[in-house]
Amino acid sequence: MLYFSEPPAIQALNCMPTFESSRAEVTVEPSTGVVQHHRILDTPLREDVAWSDAFQWRNFSEDGRYNGSYTSNYRNGSRPSYVYNFDVTISYGSFFMKSILNAADIILAGLEAPNGSYQSSSLGESLRDKVFNMQDNTTGLNLDFMSYAAYAQVGFSPTALLDPEVLAQTSQKIFSTFFQHFASNNLSREHGGNVYQPRGMDLKVNTPMRDMPTQYTPDGSVAPKFQDIVLF
């Protein structure tokens, strides 16, 4: 438990992540992959399909039946059990946000249900995992990567980010930079990547299972379904 001799200084912003897309013209050096020139051809528009899938269950199938035995204080026996298969789809907006915001809390990574609720809220933060966070036990520093990057951008000043304009500008820059790396990581024409799929590829997936929740964008509107988006 922490005790403060006086109220600590705190600054917070209510931010809404937004992704935009546009047609572009890019000139690339084939041998090195270095971008020589690029030009945006249209006015960028919101890409709400980024939020179409947040762990949606699809393509459900039953894979065999077997008899499972059980033992109790009263009797022994067996009962039929089933193995079920299904695919889980996640769109790049949800994937990026879950990665960037939840990576520092890796112990909870597998505990989120499809409706967005956590199966357990009794687990505290692990200070021993030493992954996806910046910790210094001598000073009490304990930041996720995005927060640490913003802290570094202001020269590690403990007060600079208390200015709401500085906090907003720095956060936007960090968010954009992280997403640029996310979108370009392991990107290829043959296999696509985290954001882009190969040109002309048809994703053959069935509709989500009936009990899957409606998908929303961060501003509360219903997200479009990715299979309804016309690809160019």
Protein backbone atom coordinates (compact mmCIF):
# COMPACT_ATOMS: atom_id res chain seq x y z
CA MET A 1 0.00 0.00 0.00
CA LEU A 2 1.26 3.47 -0.91
CA TYR A 3 0.88 6.57 1.22
CA PHE A 4 1.31 10.10 -0.12
CA SER A 5 2.06 13.03 2.16
CA GLU A 6 0.12 15.23 -0.28
CA PRO A 7 -2.07 14.55 -3.32
CA PRO A 8 0.11 13.51 -6.29
CA ALA A 9 -0.01 15.44 -9.57
CA ILE A 10 -1.94 13.51 -12.21
CA GLN A 11 -2.91 14.23 -15.81
CA ALA A 12 -5.23 12.10 -17.94
CA LEU A 13 -6.84 12.39 -21.37
CA ASN A 14 -9.84 10.59 -22.82
CA CYS A 15 -8.43 9.38 -26.13
CA MET A 16 -10.13 7.55 -29.01
CA PRO A 17 -7.91 5.60 -31.42
CA THR A 18 -8.69 6.29 -35.07
CA PHE A 19 -7.31 4.57 -38.16
CA GLU A 20 -7.53 6.09 -41.63
CA SER A 21 -6.75 4.78 -45.10
CA SER A 22 -6.30 6.15 -48.60
CA ARG A 23 -5.01 5.08 -51.98
CA ALA A 24 -1.32 5.86 -52.31
CA GLU A 25 1.48 5.77 -54.84
CA VAL A 26 4.79 4.41 -53.55
CA THR A 27 8.13 4.01 -55.31
CA VAL A 28 10.37 1.34 -53.76
CA GLU A 29 13.94 0.30 -54.51
CA PRO A 30 13.50 -3.43 -55.36
CA SER A 31 16.89 -4.61 -54.12
CA THR A 32 16.76 -2.88 -50.72
CA GLY A 33 13.07 -2.27 -50.08
CA VAL A 34 13.80 1.39 -49.29
CA VAL A 35 10.92 3.76 -50.07
CA GLN A 36 12.17 6.37 -52.56
CA HIS A 37 8.95 8.37 -52.90
CA HIS A 38 5.35 8.23 -51.76
CA ARG A 39 2.23 10.25 -52.47
CA ILE A 40 -1.26 10.12 -50.93
CA LEU A 41 -3.81 10.11 -53.77
CA ASP A 42 -7.09 10.66 -51.90
CA THR A 43 -8.35 12.29 -48.74
CA PRO A 44 -7.84 9.74 -45.92
CA LEU A 45 -11.06 8.26 -44.57
CA ARG A 46 -11.81 6.49 -41.31
CA GLU A 47 -11.17 2.77 -41.47
CA ASP A 48 -13.86 1.50 -39.10
CA VAL A 49 -13.47 -2.05 -40.41
CA ALA A 50 -10.39 -2.13 -38.18
CA TRP A 51 -12.82 -2.94 -35.35
CA SER A 52 -14.92 -5.59 -37.12
CA ASP A 53 -13.67 -8.55 -35.09
CA ALA A 54 -12.60 -8.74 -31.48
CA PHE A 55 -12.09 -12.46 -30.87
CA GLN A 56 -15.09 -13.61 -32.89
CA TRP A 57 -15.70 -17.36 -32.93
CA ARG A 58 -16.33 -18.80 -36.41
CA ASN A 59 -16.36 -22.06 -38.40
CA PHE A 60 -17.60 -24.18 -35.53
CA SER A 61 -17.32 -27.94 -35.99
CA GLU A 62 -17.49 -31.07 -33.87
CA ASP A 63 -14.43 -33.29 -34.02
CA GLY A 64 -15.31 -36.71 -32.74
CA ARG A 65 -16.77 -38.14 -29.57
CA TYR A 66 -15.10 -40.14 -26.88
CA ASN A 67 -15.99 -41.58 -23.50
CA GLY A 68 -14.42 -39.86 -20.55
CA SER A 69 -14.19 -41.68 -17.23
CA TYR A 70 -14.76 -40.06 -13.87
CA THR A 71 -14.40 -41.09 -10.24
CA SER A 72 -16.29 -39.78 -7.23
CA ASN A 73 -16.90 -40.81 -3.63
CA TYR A 74 -20.15 -42.42 -4.70
CA ARG A 75 -19.49 -44.19 -7.97
CA ASN A 76 -17.24 -44.61 -10.96
CA GLY A 77 -18.44 -44.34 -14.52
CA SER A 78 -18.08 -42.79 -17.91
CA ARG A 79 -19.96 -40.26 -19.98
CA PRO A 80 -19.67 -39.09 -23.58
CA SER A 81 -17.49 -36.08 -24.25
CA TYR A 82 -16.99 -34.05 -27.40
CA VAL A 83 -14.12 -32.16 -28.99
CA TYR A 84 -15.09 -28.90 -30.68
CA ASN A 85 -13.13 -26.81 -33.16
CA PHE A 86 -13.63 -23.18 -34.13
CA ASP A 87 -11.62 -20.35 -35.62
CA VAL A 88 -11.09 -17.07 -33.78
CA THR A 89 -10.80 -13.90 -35.85
CA ILE A 90 -9.48 -10.53 -34.73
CA SER A 91 -9.26 -7.40 -36.86
CA TYR A 92 -6.13 -5.30 -36.91
CA GLY A 93 -7.49 -2.43 -34.80
CA SER A 94 -8.46 -4.70 -31.95
CA PHE A 95 -5.26 -6.72 -32.38
CA PHE A 96 -3.09 -3.61 -32.20
CA MET A 97 -4.87 -2.11 -29.19
CA LYS A 98 -4.89 -5.39 -27.26
CA SER A 99 -1.19 -5.77 -27.98
CA ILE A 100 -0.07 -2.27 -27.11
CA LEU A 101 -2.22 -1.87 -24.00
CA ASN A 102 -2.19 -5.41 -22.58
CA ALA A 103 1.40 -6.44 -23.30
CA ALA A 104 2.64 -4.98 -20.01
CA ASP A 105 0.06 -7.11 -18.16
CA ILE A 106 1.05 -10.38 -19.78
CA ILE A 107 -0.41 -12.49 -16.95
CA LEU A 108 -3.91 -11.47 -18.11
CA ALA A 109 -3.29 -12.06 -21.80
CA GLY A 110 -5.29 -15.28 -21.98
CA LEU A 111 -8.08 -14.38 -19.59
CA GLU A 112 -10.29 -12.22 -21.76
CA ALA A 113 -13.57 -13.67 -22.94
CA PRO A 114 -15.14 -12.80 -26.33
CA ASN A 115 -17.56 -10.34 -24.71
CA GLY A 116 -14.64 -8.24 -23.48
CA SER A 117 -14.90 -9.22 -19.81
CA TYR A 118 -12.12 -10.83 -17.85
CA GLN A 119 -12.62 -14.28 -16.42
CA SER A 120 -10.72 -13.29 -13.31
CA SER A 121 -10.05 -9.91 -11.73
CA SER A 122 -8.32 -11.20 -8.60
CA LEU A 123 -4.83 -11.40 -10.12
CA GLY A 124 -2.49 -8.58 -9.21
CA GLU A 125 0.33 -7.24 -11.32
CA SER A 126 3.33 -9.54 -11.57
CA LEU A 127 6.59 -7.72 -10.87
CA ARG A 128 8.67 -10.76 -11.82
CA ASP A 129 7.67 -11.39 -15.44
CA LYS A 130 10.04 -8.70 -16.79
CA VAL A 131 8.39 -8.59 -20.21
CA PHE A 132 6.95 -5.72 -22.22
CA ASN A 133 7.45 -3.14 -19.50
CA MET A 134 10.12 -0.85 -18.11
CA GLN A 135 10.74 -1.26 -14.39
CA ASP A 136 13.29 0.17 -11.99
CA ASN A 137 12.79 -1.06 -8.45
CA THR A 138 15.21 1.51 -7.05
CA THR A 139 13.15 4.47 -8.26
CA GLY A 140 9.70 2.90 -8.50
CA LEU A 141 9.53 3.38 -12.28
CA ASN A 142 6.97 0.96 -13.74
CA LEU A 143 5.77 1.80 -17.26
CA ASP A 144 4.46 0.01 -20.31
CA PHE A 145 6.33 0.58 -23.58
CA MET A 146 4.00 3.29 -24.89
CA SER A 147 4.13 5.28 -21.64
CA TYR A 148 7.91 4.90 -21.44
CA ALA A 149 8.30 6.10 -25.04
CA ALA A 150 6.26 9.22 -24.22
CA TYR A 151 8.35 9.74 -21.08
CA ALA A 152 11.54 9.51 -23.16
CA GLN A 153 10.19 11.96 -25.76
CA VAL A 154 10.00 14.72 -23.12
CA GLY A 155 13.54 14.10 -21.89
CA PHE A 156 12.49 11.91 -18.94
CA SER A 157 10.94 14.94 -17.26
CA PRO A 158 8.56 13.87 -14.47
CA THR A 159 6.44 17.01 -14.94
CA ALA A 160 6.37 17.69 -18.70
CA LEU A 161 3.51 15.28 -19.40
CA LEU A 162 1.34 17.05 -16.84
CA ASP A 163 0.72 19.64 -19.57
CA PRO A 164 -2.37 18.29 -21.42
CA GLU A 165 -1.24 19.66 -24.81
CA VAL A 166 2.20 18.09 -24.47
CA LEU A 167 0.63 14.82 -23.34
CA ALA A 168 -1.79 14.80 -26.31
CA GLN A 169 0.86 15.64 -28.93
CA THR A 170 3.35 13.14 -27.53
CA SER A 171 0.76 10.37 -27.25
CA GLN A 172 -0.39 10.90 -30.85
CA LYS A 173 3.18 10.69 -32.11
CA ILE A 174 3.92 7.53 -30.11
CA PHE A 175 0.65 5.88 -31.14
CA SER A 176 1.29 6.63 -34.83
CA THR A 177 4.89 5.42 -34.66
CA PHE A 178 3.96 2.18 -32.93
CA PHE A 179 1.22 1.54 -35.50
CA GLN A 180 3.58 2.18 -38.42
CA HIS A 181 5.89 -0.53 -37.10
CA PHE A 182 2.93 -2.83 -36.43
CA ALA A 183 1.60 -2.40 -39.99
CA SER A 184 4.96 -2.86 -41.72
CA ASN A 185 6.27 -5.74 -39.61
CA ASN A 186 6.71 -8.98 -41.62
CA LEU A 187 4.78 -7.48 -44.55
CA SER A 188 5.04 -9.25 -47.91
CA ARG A 189 3.14 -9.32 -51.21
CA GLU A 190 2.66 -13.07 -50.91
CA HIS A 191 1.35 -13.30 -47.36
CA GLY A 192 0.25 -9.80 -46.40
CA GLY A 193 0.83 -8.76 -42.81
CA ASN A 194 -0.81 -7.55 -39.61
CA VAL A 195 -2.93 -4.95 -41.45
CA TYR A 196 -2.79 -5.78 -45.17
CA GLN A 197 -3.84 -8.97 -46.88
CA PRO A 198 -2.50 -10.09 -50.29
CA ARG A 199 -4.17 -8.35 -53.22
CA GLY A 200 -7.15 -10.33 -54.51
CA MET A 201 -7.24 -12.68 -51.52
CA ASP A 202 -10.71 -13.93 -50.56
CA LEU A 203 -11.07 -14.71 -46.86
CA LYS A 204 -13.34 -17.74 -46.76
CA VAL A 205 -14.90 -17.62 -43.32
CA ASN A 206 -18.41 -18.24 -42.12
CA THR A 207 -20.43 -15.76 -40.09
CA PRO A 208 -19.69 -15.63 -36.34
CA MET A 209 -21.49 -18.00 -33.99
CA ARG A 210 -24.93 -16.81 -32.94
CA ASP A 211 -24.03 -15.79 -29.39
CA MET A 212 -21.11 -13.56 -30.41
CA PRO A 213 -21.56 -9.92 -29.29
CA THR A 214 -22.06 -7.03 -31.70
CA GLN A 215 -18.78 -5.36 -32.63
CA TYR A 216 -18.40 -1.63 -31.98
CA THR A 217 -15.90 1.08 -32.87
CA PRO A 218 -14.32 3.10 -30.04
CA ASP A 219 -16.93 5.87 -30.50
CA GLY A 220 -19.80 3.43 -29.91
CA SER A 221 -21.04 2.96 -33.48
CA VAL A 222 -21.50 -0.51 -34.95
CA ALA A 223 -18.38 -1.66 -36.77
CA PRO A 224 -18.77 -2.78 -40.40
CA LYS A 225 -18.16 -6.43 -41.22
CA PHE A 226 -14.88 -7.00 -43.03
CA GLN A 227 -16.49 -9.38 -45.52
CA ASP A 228 -18.76 -6.53 -46.68
CA ILE A 229 -15.86 -4.20 -47.53
CA VAL A 230 -15.05 -3.81 -51.23
CA LEU A 231 -11.33 -4.38 -51.84
CA PHE A 232 -9.39 -2.51 -54.51
